[in-house]
Every structure is written in C-alpha cells, then in structure tokens.
Amino acid sequence: MTDLERLLDLQANDTAADQLRHRRKSLPERAALVELDRKESALRAEVAEPQAERDGLAREQKRLEDEIATVEGKAAHVEKQLYDGSMTSPKEAQGLQADLESLKRRQASLEDEVIELMEQIEPLDEQLAASVVSLAAIHAEREQVKASLVSSEAVVDGEISDTAAARQALVDAVPATLIAEYERIRGGEGGIGVARLQGATCMGCHISLAAAEVDVMKRMPAEELAYCPDCGRLLVR
C-alpha cells in the first residue's frame, strides 16, 4: 500500500469523524429541547394576560376587604356607643342608629363587590392552575430529554474517541510532509484533501479530466504528487 493509498484510509477516517461530530450536533434530543423551550415560552405568553388580570382583581379584592374591615370597625364603635348606656338623648341615639344602618349597608355593598370579584377570579385561577400543570409536564419532559441527550452524547463521544485513536495510527504510517499537505488541502476543500482518480474522473469533485491530463498523471513517478486541476485535491492514481 502506497502512502497516498494510506491517505485515502485517513480521509475515510476523517470523513467518519466529521460525520460523527455533525451527528452529535444534530442529535434529535437537541431539536426536542428547542421545541420544549418554544412550548414553554408560548404557554407563558398565553397566561401572561390572565395572570395580570388576576393580579389586578386580587389587588382590588384586598382593597375592598381592607375597606370592609374599616367599616366593620366603625360599626362596632357605633354599636358600642348605642348599647353601653352612655346615650343621653333619643335624638343622639337615632343619629347613631342611622349611622350604624348606613355602615351596615356600605359593608353589605362592599361584600357583594368582593363576591363578584371572587367569581371573576375563579375561572382565572382554574386557567392558571392548568398552566402550572402544563409547565410541570414540560419541565418533566425536558429533564427526560436532557438525560437522553447525555446518554446519546456519550455513545457518539465513544465512537469519536475510537475514531481519533484509529486516526493516530494512520497518521503515524504516513510521512509528516504528506500529512501536512493533506491537511492544508483538506482545510479549504470541505474536509476532503485526497480523492481517487477513477478512470478520468476525480472522485473528490466528480469532474472528468481531459485525456491528456490523465495521461500526464499516469506517466508521473509514483512518489510525485498529482492534483485535480478543478478542485485542487490530491489524487490517488
């Protein structure tokens, strides 16, 4: 086996390594994680408005409940004045009774408003609770996919490691100057530095060479390097 033929074995190894690295980047779990992120973002955007509405209603409910507490305190104070025996005139008692009734009406009105708010909040809470369940499901699925990704990466990494070990043996069998030339061409030609000349066709770019060019190459000494005139790759003839 000539050094150039060994280069073909090295090229096959490098191509396999490139494919493995591409496979690692393109593992289906990565796309699945992107899709899960998209779903989560869409769900959070979907519940942003009802969450804001619910927060606003809750603030209003708290304001009303605080006002109810204030009204209850005032009513309790008026009742105490009415029934602690401190009243000195019927007119004063009538005034306090009117105040108490007004406070009770105000309290009832506020409580009705709170009930209405709670009725508005209930369906929002149900919607938000459902979104929490959905987000939890997305999180659980994401963890499963991440675990699967780690496993898949480990498999590919093992293959990459084996390929790298095999590459070193191939490199050691070829002169360093030829390896350097191969690497130079490979770096600028899409990862392909050497190709076989099959008949008159370069198997690197699949372009047929002129008969005269092929004849010249066949007459070259075995140790002389030949290059494809179209793609510039080393040719094994």
C-alpha atoms as a PDB file:
ATOM      1  CA  MET A   1       0.000   0.000   0.000  1.00  0.00           C
ATOM      2  CA  THR A   2       1.394   3.378  -1.010  1.00  0.00           C
ATOM      3  CA  ASP A   3       1.441   6.446   1.213  1.00  0.00           C
ATOM      4  CA  LEU A   4      -1.287   8.044  -0.931  1.00  0.00           C
ATOM      5  CA  GLU A   5      -3.478   4.983  -0.500  1.00  0.00           C
ATOM      6  CA  ARG A   6      -2.943   5.242   3.239  1.00  0.00           C
ATOM      7  CA  LEU A   7      -4.065   8.850   2.905  1.00  0.00           C
ATOM      8  CA  LEU A   8      -7.335   7.549   1.471  1.00  0.00           C
ATOM      9  CA  ASP A   9      -7.787   5.490   4.637  1.00  0.00           C
ATOM     10  CA  LEU A  10      -7.016   8.597   6.673  1.00  0.00           C
ATOM     11  CA  GLN A  11      -9.530  10.560   4.606  1.00  0.00           C
ATOM     12  CA  ALA A  12     -12.172   7.898   5.269  1.00  0.00           C
ATOM     13  CA  ASN A  13     -11.400   8.148   8.977  1.00  0.00           C
ATOM     14  CA  ASP A  14     -11.593  11.954   8.942  1.00  0.00           C
ATOM     15  CA  THR A  15     -14.847  11.874   7.000  1.00  0.00           C
ATOM     16  CA  ALA A  16     -16.285   9.440   9.548  1.00  0.00           C
ATOM     17  CA  ALA A  17     -15.139  11.737  12.378  1.00  0.00           C
ATOM     18  CA  ASP A  18     -16.724  14.764  10.677  1.00  0.00           C
ATOM     19  CA  GLN A  19     -19.958  12.819  10.303  1.00  0.00           C
ATOM     20  CA  LEU A  20     -19.865  11.820  13.957  1.00  0.00           C
ATOM     21  CA  ARG A  21     -19.348  15.435  15.047  1.00  0.00           C
ATOM     22  CA  HIS A  22     -22.225  16.502  12.819  1.00  0.00           C
ATOM     23  CA  ARG A  23     -24.351  13.698  14.245  1.00  0.00           C
ATOM     24  CA  ARG A  24     -23.516  14.888  17.763  1.00  0.00           C
ATOM     25  CA  LYS A  25     -24.601  18.438  16.929  1.00  0.00           C
ATOM     26  CA  SER A  26     -27.758  17.150  15.248  1.00  0.00           C
ATOM     27  CA  LEU A  27     -28.961  14.688  17.869  1.00  0.00           C
ATOM     28  CA  PRO A  28     -32.787  14.677  17.882  1.00  0.00           C
ATOM     29  CA  GLU A  29     -32.802  15.498  21.589  1.00  0.00           C
ATOM     30  CA  ARG A  30     -31.408  18.960  20.803  1.00  0.00           C
ATOM     31  CA  ALA A  31     -34.323  19.722  18.498  1.00  0.00           C
ATOM     32  CA  ALA A  32     -36.690  18.325  21.136  1.00  0.00           C
ATOM     33  CA  LEU A  33     -35.254  20.711  23.749  1.00  0.00           C
ATOM     34  CA  VAL A  34     -35.673  23.666  21.393  1.00  0.00           C
ATOM     35  CA  GLU A  35     -39.298  22.655  20.811  1.00  0.00           C
ATOM     36  CA  LEU A  36     -39.915  22.341  24.553  1.00  0.00           C
ATOM     37  CA  ASP A  37     -38.460  25.827  25.079  1.00  0.00           C
ATOM     38  CA  ARG A  38     -40.783  27.118  22.364  1.00  0.00           C
ATOM     39  CA  LYS A  39     -43.784  25.460  24.022  1.00  0.00           C
ATOM     40  CA  GLU A  40     -42.876  26.898  27.413  1.00  0.00           C
ATOM     41  CA  SER A  41     -42.422  30.399  26.005  1.00  0.00           C
ATOM     42  CA  ALA A  42     -45.745  30.179  24.174  1.00  0.00           C
ATOM     43  CA  LEU A  43     -47.523  28.947  27.303  1.00  0.00           C
ATOM     44  CA  ARG A  44     -46.038  31.676  29.481  1.00  0.00           C
ATOM     45  CA  ALA A  45     -47.039  34.293  26.910  1.00  0.00           C
ATOM     46  CA  GLU A  46     -50.536  32.801  26.775  1.00  0.00           C
ATOM     47  CA  VAL A  47     -51.064  33.094  30.540  1.00  0.00           C
ATOM     48  CA  ALA A  48     -49.397  36.490  30.944  1.00  0.00           C
ATOM     49  CA  GLU A  49     -52.640  38.401  30.305  1.00  0.00           C
ATOM     50  CA  PRO A  50     -54.900  36.304  32.570  1.00  0.00           C
ATOM     51  CA  GLN A  51     -52.208  36.400  35.251  1.00  0.00           C
ATOM     52  CA  ALA A  52     -52.068  40.188  35.049  1.00  0.00           C
ATOM     53  CA  GLU A  53     -55.872  40.346  35.165  1.00  0.00           C
ATOM     54  CA  ARG A  54     -55.962  38.011  38.149  1.00  0.00           C
ATOM     55  CA  ASP A  55     -53.332  40.086  39.971  1.00  0.00           C
ATOM     56  CA  GLY A  56     -55.337  43.252  39.345  1.00  0.00           C
ATOM     57  CA  LEU A  57     -58.542  41.658  40.640  1.00  0.00           C
ATOM     58  CA  ALA A  58     -56.714  40.347  43.701  1.00  0.00           C
ATOM     59  CA  ARG A  59     -55.418  43.835  44.490  1.00  0.00           C
ATOM     60  CA  GLU A  60     -58.937  45.223  44.180  1.00  0.00           C
ATOM     61  CA  GLN A  61     -60.265  42.432  46.412  1.00  0.00           C
ATOM     62  CA  LYS A  62     -57.643  43.256  49.038  1.00  0.00           C
ATOM     63  CA  ARG A  63     -58.568  46.945  48.866  1.00  0.00           C
ATOM     64  CA  LEU A  64     -62.241  46.135  49.350  1.00  0.00           C
ATOM     65  CA  GLU A  65     -61.544  43.730  52.209  1.00  0.00           C
ATOM     66  CA  ASP A  66     -59.458  46.400  53.923  1.00  0.00           C
ATOM     67  CA  GLU A  67     -62.327  48.853  53.498  1.00  0.00           C
ATOM     68  CA  ILE A  68     -64.776  46.276  54.879  1.00  0.00           C
ATOM     69  CA  ALA A  69     -62.574  45.870  57.929  1.00  0.00           C
ATOM     70  CA  THR A  70     -62.568  49.646  58.407  1.00  0.00           C
ATOM     71  CA  VAL A  71     -66.355  49.828  58.062  1.00  0.00           C
ATOM     72  CA  GLU A  72     -66.777  46.919  60.495  1.00  0.00           C
ATOM     73  CA  GLY A  73     -64.586  48.729  62.998  1.00  0.00           C
ATOM     74  CA  LYS A  74     -66.655  51.891  62.694  1.00  0.00           C
ATOM     75  CA  ALA A  75     -69.904  49.927  63.022  1.00  0.00           C
ATOM     76  CA  ALA A  76     -68.621  48.162  66.130  1.00  0.00           C
ATOM     77  CA  HIS A  77     -67.713  51.508  67.655  1.00  0.00           C
ATOM     78  CA  VAL A  78     -71.189  52.910  66.904  1.00  0.00           C
ATOM     79  CA  GLU A  79     -72.883  49.806  68.347  1.00  0.00           C
ATOM     80  CA  LYS A  80     -70.842  50.152  71.500  1.00  0.00           C
ATOM     81  CA  GLN A  81     -71.979  53.741  71.853  1.00  0.00           C
ATOM     82  CA  LEU A  82     -75.586  52.698  71.277  1.00  0.00           C
ATOM     83  CA  TYR A  83     -75.681  49.940  73.853  1.00  0.00           C
ATOM     84  CA  ASP A  84     -73.213  50.893  76.552  1.00  0.00           C
ATOM     85  CA  GLY A  85     -75.781  53.125  78.255  1.00  0.00           C
ATOM     86  CA  SER A  86     -73.940  56.333  77.536  1.00  0.00           C
ATOM     87  CA  MET A  87     -76.719  57.822  75.360  1.00  0.00           C
ATOM     88  CA  THR A  88     -78.325  60.849  76.983  1.00  0.00           C
ATOM     89  CA  SER A  89     -80.968  61.715  74.379  1.00  0.00           C
ATOM     90  CA  PRO A  90     -83.233  59.867  71.924  1.00  0.00           C
ATOM     91  CA  LYS A  91     -82.115  62.187  69.136  1.00  0.00           C
ATOM     92  CA  GLU A  92     -78.481  61.224  69.629  1.00  0.00           C
ATOM     93  CA  ALA A  93     -79.469  57.563  69.673  1.00  0.00           C
ATOM     94  CA  GLN A  94     -81.443  57.985  66.450  1.00  0.00           C
ATOM     95  CA  GLY A  95     -78.430  59.606  64.803  1.00  0.00           C
ATOM     96  CA  LEU A  96     -76.149  56.778  65.834  1.00  0.00           C
ATOM     97  CA  GLN A  97     -78.718  54.208  64.671  1.00  0.00           C
ATOM     98  CA  ALA A  98     -78.837  55.899  61.267  1.00  0.00           C
ATOM     99  CA  ASP A  99     -75.038  55.870  61.116  1.00  0.00           C
ATOM    100  CA  LEU A 100     -74.988  52.183  62.014  1.00  0.00           C
ATOM    101  CA  GLU A 101     -77.536  51.296  59.329  1.00  0.00           C
ATOM    102  CA  SER A 102     -75.553  53.285  56.755  1.00  0.00           C
ATOM    103  CA  LEU A 103     -72.373  51.467  57.738  1.00  0.00           C
ATOM    104  CA  LYS A 104     -74.140  48.098  57.522  1.00  0.00           C
ATOM    105  CA  ARG A 105     -75.432  48.937  54.042  1.00  0.00           C
ATOM    106  CA  ARG A 106     -71.952  50.008  52.979  1.00  0.00           C
ATOM    107  CA  GLN A 107     -70.496  46.800  54.375  1.00  0.00           C
ATOM    108  CA  ALA A 108     -73.071  44.677  52.541  1.00  0.00           C
ATOM    109  CA  SER A 109     -72.371  46.525  49.297  1.00  0.00           C
ATOM    110  CA  LEU A 110     -68.627  46.025  49.679  1.00  0.00           C
ATOM    111  CA  GLU A 111     -69.108  42.334  50.451  1.00  0.00           C
ATOM    112  CA  ASP A 112     -71.207  41.951  47.291  1.00  0.00           C
ATOM    113  CA  GLU A 113     -68.389  43.537  45.301  1.00  0.00           C
ATOM    114  CA  VAL A 114     -65.912  41.104  46.847  1.00  0.00           C
ATOM    115  CA  ILE A 115     -68.125  38.163  45.875  1.00  0.00           C
ATOM    116  CA  GLU A 116     -68.311  39.456  42.300  1.00  0.00           C
ATOM    117  CA  LEU A 117     -64.532  39.750  42.201  1.00  0.00           C
ATOM    118  CA  MET A 118     -64.125  36.234  43.558  1.00  0.00           C
ATOM    119  CA  GLU A 119     -66.440  34.946  40.833  1.00  0.00           C
ATOM    120  CA  GLN A 120     -64.240  36.660  38.237  1.00  0.00           C
ATOM    121  CA  ILE A 121     -61.070  35.296  39.825  1.00  0.00           C
ATOM    122  CA  GLU A 122     -62.246  31.669  39.995  1.00  0.00           C
ATOM    123  CA  PRO A 123     -62.072  30.846  36.245  1.00  0.00           C
ATOM    124  CA  LEU A 124     -58.756  32.679  36.003  1.00  0.00           C
ATOM    125  CA  ASP A 125     -57.388  30.554  38.830  1.00  0.00           C
ATOM    126  CA  GLU A 126     -58.553  27.422  37.020  1.00  0.00           C
ATOM    127  CA  GLN A 127     -56.821  28.549  33.829  1.00  0.00           C
ATOM    128  CA  LEU A 128     -53.621  29.424  35.680  1.00  0.00           C
ATOM    129  CA  ALA A 129     -53.683  26.141  37.612  1.00  0.00           C
ATOM    130  CA  ALA A 130     -53.944  24.263  34.319  1.00  0.00           C
ATOM    131  CA  SER A 131     -50.948  26.197  33.005  1.00  0.00           C
ATOM    132  CA  VAL A 132     -48.950  25.228  36.098  1.00  0.00           C
ATOM    133  CA  VAL A 133     -49.711  21.565  35.372  1.00  0.00           C
ATOM    134  CA  SER A 134     -48.674  22.031  31.742  1.00  0.00           C
ATOM    135  CA  LEU A 135     -45.446  23.782  32.738  1.00  0.00           C
ATOM    136  CA  ALA A 136     -44.656  20.970  35.167  1.00  0.00           C
ATOM    137  CA  ALA A 137     -45.205  18.435  32.375  1.00  0.00           C
ATOM    138  CA  ILE A 138     -42.872  20.400  30.096  1.00  0.00           C
ATOM    139  CA  HIS A 139     -40.255  20.535  32.845  1.00  0.00           C
ATOM    140  CA  ALA A 140     -40.510  16.776  33.447  1.00  0.00           C
ATOM    141  CA  GLU A 141     -40.230  16.047  29.740  1.00  0.00           C
ATOM    142  CA  ARG A 142     -37.251  18.392  29.466  1.00  0.00           C
ATOM    143  CA  GLU A 143     -35.433  16.508  32.221  1.00  0.00           C
ATOM    144  CA  GLN A 144     -36.084  13.214  30.437  1.00  0.00           C
ATOM    145  CA  VAL A 145     -34.822  14.610  27.141  1.00  0.00           C
ATOM    146  CA  LYS A 146     -31.720  16.028  28.826  1.00  0.00           C
ATOM    147  CA  ALA A 147     -30.950  12.625  30.318  1.00  0.00           C
ATOM    148  CA  SER A 148     -31.434  11.015  26.916  1.00  0.00           C
ATOM    149  CA  LEU A 149     -29.152  13.640  25.351  1.00  0.00           C
ATOM    150  CA  VAL A 150     -26.384  12.885  27.836  1.00  0.00           C
ATOM    151  CA  SER A 151     -26.691   9.186  27.011  1.00  0.00           C
ATOM    152  CA  SER A 152     -26.693   9.786  23.253  1.00  0.00           C
ATOM    153  CA  GLU A 153     -23.709  12.132  23.504  1.00  0.00           C
ATOM    154  CA  ALA A 154     -21.793   9.513  25.465  1.00  0.00           C
ATOM    155  CA  VAL A 155     -22.369   6.953  22.708  1.00  0.00           C
ATOM    156  CA  VAL A 156     -21.214   9.328  19.971  1.00  0.00           C
ATOM    157  CA  ASP A 157     -18.279  10.546  22.052  1.00  0.00           C
ATOM    158  CA  GLY A 158     -17.155   6.937  22.423  1.00  0.00           C
ATOM    159  CA  GLU A 159     -17.236   6.497  18.654  1.00  0.00           C
ATOM    160  CA  ILE A 160     -15.363   9.774  18.174  1.00  0.00           C
ATOM    161  CA  SER A 161     -12.721   8.616  20.651  1.00  0.00           C
ATOM    162  CA  ASP A 162     -12.300   5.305  18.811  1.00  0.00           C
ATOM    163  CA  THR A 163     -12.029   7.143  15.501  1.00  0.00           C
ATOM    164  CA  ALA A 164      -9.411   9.509  16.920  1.00  0.00           C
ATOM    165  CA  ALA A 165      -7.341   6.577  18.183  1.00  0.00           C
ATOM    166  CA  ALA A 166      -7.509   4.896  14.782  1.00  0.00           C
ATOM    167  CA  ARG A 167      -6.545   8.181  13.108  1.00  0.00           C
ATOM    168  CA  GLN A 168      -3.347   8.449  15.068  1.00  0.00           C
ATOM    169  CA  ALA A 169      -2.237   5.045  13.822  1.00  0.00           C
ATOM    170  CA  LEU A 170      -2.957   6.112  10.234  1.00  0.00           C
ATOM    171  CA  VAL A 171      -1.080   9.410  10.648  1.00  0.00           C
ATOM    172  CA  ASP A 172       1.941   7.614  12.072  1.00  0.00           C
ATOM    173  CA  ALA A 173       2.136   5.461   8.931  1.00  0.00           C
ATOM    174  CA  VAL A 174       2.380   8.420   6.509  1.00  0.00           C
ATOM    175  CA  PRO A 175       5.290  10.897   6.134  1.00  0.00           C
ATOM    176  CA  ALA A 176       4.724  14.133   8.036  1.00  0.00           C
ATOM    177  CA  THR A 177       5.214  16.281   4.912  1.00  0.00           C
ATOM    178  CA  LEU A 178       2.445  14.413   3.100  1.00  0.00           C
ATOM    179  CA  ILE A 179       0.166  14.707   6.125  1.00  0.00           C
ATOM    180  CA  ALA A 180       0.811  18.468   6.211  1.00  0.00           C
ATOM    181  CA  GLU A 181      -0.074  18.805   2.518  1.00  0.00           C
ATOM    182  CA  TYR A 182      -3.205  16.732   3.018  1.00  0.00           C
ATOM    183  CA  GLU A 183      -4.280  18.859   5.987  1.00  0.00           C
ATOM    184  CA  ARG A 184      -3.637  22.070   4.036  1.00  0.00           C
ATOM    185  CA  ILE A 185      -5.892  20.988   1.174  1.00  0.00           C
ATOM    186  CA  ARG A 186      -8.488  19.417   3.443  1.00  0.00           C
ATOM    187  CA  GLY A 187      -8.846  22.653   5.398  1.00  0.00           C
ATOM    188  CA  GLY A 188     -10.000  24.539   2.308  1.00  0.00           C
ATOM    189  CA  GLU A 189     -11.911  21.889   0.414  1.00  0.00           C
ATOM    190  CA  GLY A 190     -14.826  20.965   2.626  1.00  0.00           C
ATOM    191  CA  GLY A 191     -12.910  18.416   4.653  1.00  0.00           C
ATOM    192  CA  ILE A 192     -11.700  16.399   1.636  1.00  0.00           C
ATOM    193  CA  GLY A 193      -7.955  16.514   0.997  1.00  0.00           C
ATOM    194  CA  VAL A 194      -7.413  13.457  -1.167  1.00  0.00           C
ATOM    195  CA  ALA A 195      -9.517  11.524  -3.675  1.00  0.00           C
ATOM    196  CA  ARG A 196      -9.093   8.617  -6.023  1.00  0.00           C
ATOM    197  CA  LEU A 197      -8.764   9.173  -9.752  1.00  0.00           C
ATOM    198  CA  GLN A 198     -11.214   6.661 -11.154  1.00  0.00           C
ATOM    199  CA  GLY A 199     -10.751   6.392 -14.872  1.00  0.00           C
ATOM    200  CA  ALA A 200     -10.652  10.032 -15.876  1.00  0.00           C
ATOM    201  CA  THR A 201     -12.891  11.241 -13.040  1.00  0.00           C
ATOM    202  CA  CYS A 202     -11.786  12.895  -9.802  1.00  0.00           C
ATOM    203  CA  MET A 203     -13.907  11.263  -7.109  1.00  0.00           C
ATOM    204  CA  GLY A 204     -13.483  14.383  -4.980  1.00  0.00           C
ATOM    205  CA  CYS A 205     -15.337  16.795  -7.276  1.00  0.00           C
ATOM    206  CA  HIS A 206     -16.703  14.210  -9.763  1.00  0.00           C
ATOM    207  CA  ILE A 207     -15.398  16.182 -12.728  1.00  0.00           C
ATOM    208  CA  SER A 208     -13.781  14.328 -15.613  1.00  0.00           C
ATOM    209  CA  LEU A 209     -10.263  15.361 -16.528  1.00  0.00           C
ATOM    210  CA  ALA A 210      -9.045  15.778 -20.073  1.00  0.00           C
ATOM    211  CA  ALA A 211      -7.441  12.665 -21.532  1.00  0.00           C
ATOM    212  CA  ALA A 212      -4.132  14.498 -21.887  1.00  0.00           C
ATOM    213  CA  GLU A 213      -4.163  15.439 -18.185  1.00  0.00           C
ATOM    214  CA  VAL A 214      -4.844  11.861 -17.191  1.00  0.00           C
ATOM    215  CA  ASP A 215      -2.054  10.623 -19.443  1.00  0.00           C
ATOM    216  CA  VAL A 216       0.419  13.051 -17.870  1.00  0.00           C
ATOM    217  CA  MET A 217      -0.544  11.898 -14.372  1.00  0.00           C
ATOM    218  CA  LYS A 218      -0.155   8.240 -15.246  1.00  0.00           C
ATOM    219  CA  ARG A 219       3.356   8.922 -16.502  1.00  0.00           C
ATOM    220  CA  MET A 220       4.369  10.667 -13.253  1.00  0.00           C
ATOM    221  CA  PRO A 221       6.728   8.844 -10.870  1.00  0.00           C
ATOM    222  CA  ALA A 222       4.794   7.068  -8.106  1.00  0.00           C
ATOM    223  CA  GLU A 223       6.218   9.377  -5.443  1.00  0.00           C
ATOM    224  CA  GLU A 224       5.264  12.575  -7.297  1.00  0.00           C
ATOM    225  CA  LEU A 225       2.064  14.223  -6.127  1.00  0.00           C
ATOM    226  CA  ALA A 226      -0.761  14.820  -8.586  1.00  0.00           C
ATOM    227  CA  TYR A 227      -3.542  17.321  -8.043  1.00  0.00           C
ATOM    228  CA  CYS A 228      -7.003  17.630  -9.549  1.00  0.00           C
ATOM    229  CA  PRO A 229      -6.896  20.694 -11.836  1.00  0.00           C
ATOM    230  CA  ASP A 230     -10.503  21.528 -10.898  1.00  0.00           C
ATOM    231  CA  CYS A 231     -10.727  21.089  -7.117  1.00  0.00           C
ATOM    232  CA  GLY A 232      -7.037  21.012  -6.199  1.00  0.00           C
ATOM    233  CA  ARG A 233      -7.255  17.812  -4.175  1.00  0.00           C
ATOM    234  CA  LEU A 234      -4.516  15.217  -4.097  1.00  0.00           C
ATOM    235  CA  LEU A 235      -5.248  12.381  -6.490  1.00  0.00           C
ATOM    236  CA  VAL A 236      -4.522   8.710  -5.920  1.00  0.00           C
ATOM    237  CA  ARG A 237      -3.992   7.262  -9.359  1.00  0.00           C
END
